Protein backbone atom coordinates (compact mmCIF):
# COMPACT_ATOMS: atom_id res chain seq x y z
CA MET A 1 54.64 102.24 109.29
CA ILE A 2 57.40 99.99 107.97
CA GLU A 3 60.58 101.85 107.20
CA MET A 4 62.28 101.40 103.82
CA LEU A 5 65.34 99.88 105.46
CA ASP A 6 63.14 97.17 106.96
CA LEU A 7 61.80 96.36 103.49
CA TYR A 8 65.33 96.06 102.10
CA ALA A 9 66.32 93.86 105.02
CA GLU A 10 63.31 91.65 104.37
CA ASN A 11 64.27 91.32 100.69
CA LEU A 12 67.83 90.42 101.62
CA ILE A 13 66.66 87.81 104.17
CA TYR A 14 64.20 86.40 101.65
CA ASN A 15 66.96 86.03 99.04
CA TYR A 16 69.22 84.39 101.62
CA GLU A 17 66.53 81.91 102.65
CA ASN A 18 65.42 81.30 99.03
CA GLN A 19 68.65 81.13 97.07
CA THR A 20 67.04 80.32 93.71
CA ASN A 21 70.35 80.68 91.87
CA LYS A 22 72.34 78.45 94.21
CA GLY A 23 73.77 75.39 92.56
CA ARG A 24 76.14 74.39 89.85
CA LEU A 25 75.76 74.66 86.07
CA ASP A 26 76.78 71.73 83.93
CA ASN A 27 79.35 72.84 81.36
CA PRO A 28 79.55 76.54 82.22
CA THR A 29 81.30 78.84 79.78
CA ILE A 30 83.24 80.36 82.67
CA LEU A 31 83.55 80.01 86.41
CA MET A 32 85.27 82.03 89.09
CA HIS A 33 85.97 81.59 92.78
CA GLU A 34 86.28 84.59 95.10
CA GLU A 35 86.85 84.84 98.85
CA ASN A 36 86.39 87.58 101.38
CA ILE A 37 89.57 87.12 103.39
CA SER A 38 88.35 89.42 106.14
CA CYS A 39 85.44 87.15 107.16
CA GLY A 40 85.82 83.88 105.24
CA ASP A 41 82.82 84.18 102.94
CA GLN A 42 83.35 82.32 99.67
CA ILE A 43 81.56 82.09 96.33
CA THR A 44 82.05 80.28 93.07
CA VAL A 45 80.00 81.51 90.12
CA TYR A 46 79.15 79.38 87.08
CA ILE A 47 78.13 81.36 84.00
CA ARG A 48 76.82 80.26 80.62
CA ILE A 49 77.36 82.86 77.90
CA GLU A 50 75.59 83.03 74.56
CA ASP A 51 75.61 85.93 72.10
CA ASN A 52 77.69 88.07 74.47
CA LYS A 53 75.02 87.80 77.19
CA VAL A 54 74.66 85.87 80.43
CA LYS A 55 72.20 83.14 79.52
CA ASP A 56 72.35 81.31 82.84
CA ILE A 57 74.17 81.75 86.12
CA LYS A 58 74.45 79.78 89.34
CA TYR A 59 76.65 80.00 92.38
CA GLU A 60 77.84 77.93 95.29
CA GLY A 61 79.11 79.51 98.44
CA ILE A 62 79.17 79.94 102.13
CA GLY A 63 78.69 83.19 103.88
CA CYS A 64 76.54 85.64 105.77
CA ILE A 65 73.11 86.89 104.90
CA ILE A 66 74.53 89.90 103.14
CA SER A 67 77.02 88.05 100.92
CA MET A 68 74.71 85.19 99.90
CA GLY A 69 71.52 87.25 99.73
CA SER A 70 73.24 89.90 97.59
CA ALA A 71 74.77 87.21 95.35
CA ASN A 72 71.33 85.76 94.69
CA ILE A 73 69.89 89.19 93.84
CA VAL A 74 72.80 90.08 91.57
CA CYS A 75 72.55 86.74 89.72
CA ASP A 76 68.90 87.46 88.96
CA TYR A 77 69.84 90.93 87.75
CA VAL A 78 72.61 89.86 85.33
CA LYS A 79 70.60 87.20 83.50
CA ASP A 80 70.14 88.17 79.85
CA LYS A 81 72.35 91.26 80.30
CA ASP A 82 75.15 92.14 77.89
CA LEU A 83 78.62 91.33 79.21
CA ASN A 84 79.92 94.85 78.69
CA ASP A 85 77.01 96.29 80.66
CA ILE A 86 77.81 93.91 83.53
CA ILE A 87 81.51 94.73 83.69
CA ASN A 88 80.66 98.43 83.78
CA LEU A 89 78.47 98.11 86.90
CA ASN A 90 79.83 100.16 89.79
CA LEU A 91 79.15 100.39 93.51
CA GLU A 92 76.23 102.79 93.12
CA ASP A 93 74.65 100.42 90.59
CA LEU A 94 75.11 97.53 93.00
CA PHE A 95 73.46 99.43 95.84
CA LYS A 96 70.44 100.08 93.62
CA ILE A 97 70.30 96.43 92.56
CA ILE A 98 70.45 95.04 96.10
CA GLY A 99 68.35 97.83 97.53
CA PHE A 100 70.58 99.17 100.29
CA THR A 101 73.97 100.70 101.04
CA PRO A 102 75.94 98.46 103.38
CA THR A 103 78.10 99.82 106.18
CA PRO A 104 81.80 100.07 105.37
CA SER A 105 82.51 96.97 107.48
CA ARG A 106 80.02 94.93 105.40
CA LEU A 107 80.87 96.35 101.98
CA HIS A 108 83.07 93.36 101.08
CA CYS A 109 80.17 91.03 101.89
CA ALA A 110 77.76 92.88 99.63
CA THR A 111 80.22 93.09 96.72
CA LEU A 112 81.45 89.48 96.76
CA GLY A 113 78.96 88.12 94.23
CA LEU A 114 79.31 90.97 91.74
CA ARG A 115 83.07 90.85 92.09
CA ALA A 116 83.15 87.16 91.20
CA ILE A 117 80.80 87.69 88.24
CA LYS A 118 82.79 90.63 86.88
CA HIS A 119 86.11 88.86 87.40
CA ALA A 120 84.84 85.79 85.48
CA ILE A 121 83.52 87.88 82.59
CA LEU A 122 86.71 89.97 82.46
CA ASN A 123 88.80 86.81 82.18
CA TYR A 124 86.45 85.53 79.47
CA LEU A 125 86.78 88.81 77.54
CA SER A 126 90.54 88.98 78.26
CA LYS A 127 90.21 92.48 79.74
CA ASP A 128 92.29 94.09 82.49
CA SER A 129 90.42 93.35 85.70
CA GLU A 130 91.94 96.17 87.76
CA LYS A 131 90.17 98.81 85.69
CA TYR A 132 86.76 97.20 86.19
CA LEU A 133 87.11 95.77 89.68
CA ASN A 134 88.36 98.95 91.31
CA GLY A 135 86.18 99.69 94.32
CA LEU A 136 84.52 96.28 94.54
């Protein structure tokens, strides 16, 4: 019997190997670059916003399976979502979206994509990022 953790790992590996959201958007509404200084992972997100929703999103980056696989999953999730719903996502929401809870040493890897997305949207909305990025 395959354990649930194995299924989550397979999904993460699949999203790392098939990064369907990897690339650059022409004329994005916003973009944001984030780095994980503890390991060197980097991501730049490009977001097109229409009617207060994410209409398209792409990213470029380098990093481990967890950071790039999670970024791909999160990009799929936020498409067509309202900006306010996205900035209110928390760690528990992220763990449900990506399908697993990372170890404390890999938490920064798993949160890198969502952190960049939220930071970009917060800048776009001119909101205080500390309130919404706390914990990511």
